Amino acid sequence: MIEMHIKWMEFWKSKLGISDYVVAWISFLKGLVIGLLLYHFAIVPYL
C-alpha cells in the first residue's frame, strides 16, 4: 500500500513538475484550510 502511494505521488510530482517541498506546502495549506473550515462550522456555532 505504501509503495503504491509513493508511485502515485512520484507520478503526479513529475506530471505537474513540482518538488517534495511544494508537496509539503500544499499538504500544510490543505490541512490549514480544512481545520479552519471545521473550526468555523463545527465549533463556532456552539460558542
Protein backbone atom coordinates (compact mmCIF):
# COMPACT_ATOMS: atom_id res chain seq x y z
CA MET A 1 0.00 0.00 0.00
CA ILE A 2 2.80 2.44 0.85
CA GLU A 3 4.67 1.58 -2.34
CA MET A 4 1.53 2.30 -4.36
CA HIS A 5 1.18 5.69 -2.66
CA ILE A 6 4.84 6.54 -3.33
CA LYS A 7 4.48 5.61 -7.01
CA TRP A 8 1.28 7.67 -7.28
CA MET A 9 2.93 10.71 -5.66
CA GLU A 10 6.01 10.42 -7.88
CA PHE A 11 3.76 10.19 -10.95
CA TRP A 12 1.88 13.39 -10.04
CA LYS A 13 5.04 15.23 -8.99
CA SER A 14 6.65 14.52 -12.36
CA LYS A 15 3.41 15.26 -14.25
CA LEU A 16 3.00 18.65 -12.53
CA GLY A 17 6.71 19.40 -12.32
CA ILE A 18 6.75 20.08 -8.57
CA SER A 19 9.21 19.15 -5.82
CA ASP A 20 8.81 17.49 -2.44
CA TYR A 21 8.95 20.96 -0.87
CA VAL A 22 5.91 22.10 -2.87
CA VAL A 23 4.03 18.93 -1.96
CA ALA A 24 4.72 19.62 1.72
CA TRP A 25 3.40 23.18 1.41
CA ILE A 26 0.29 22.00 -0.43
CA SER A 27 -0.38 19.45 2.30
CA PHE A 28 0.14 22.06 5.01
CA LEU A 29 -2.21 24.57 3.37
CA LYS A 30 -4.82 21.89 2.72
CA GLY A 31 -4.74 20.89 6.38
CA LEU A 32 -4.96 24.52 7.46
CA VAL A 33 -8.00 25.17 5.26
CA ILE A 34 -9.78 22.01 6.41
CA GLY A 35 -9.01 22.84 10.05
CA LEU A 36 -10.34 26.38 9.69
CA LEU A 37 -13.50 25.11 7.99
CA LEU A 38 -14.07 22.59 10.76
CA TYR A 39 -13.49 25.28 13.36
CA HIS A 40 -15.85 27.69 11.64
CA PHE A 41 -18.72 25.28 11.01
CA ALA A 42 -18.39 22.81 13.91
CA ILE A 43 -17.10 24.80 16.89
CA VAL A 44 -18.07 28.45 16.42
CA PRO A 45 -21.86 27.83 16.31
CA TYR A 46 -21.69 26.33 19.81
CA LEU A 47 -19.85 29.26 21.40
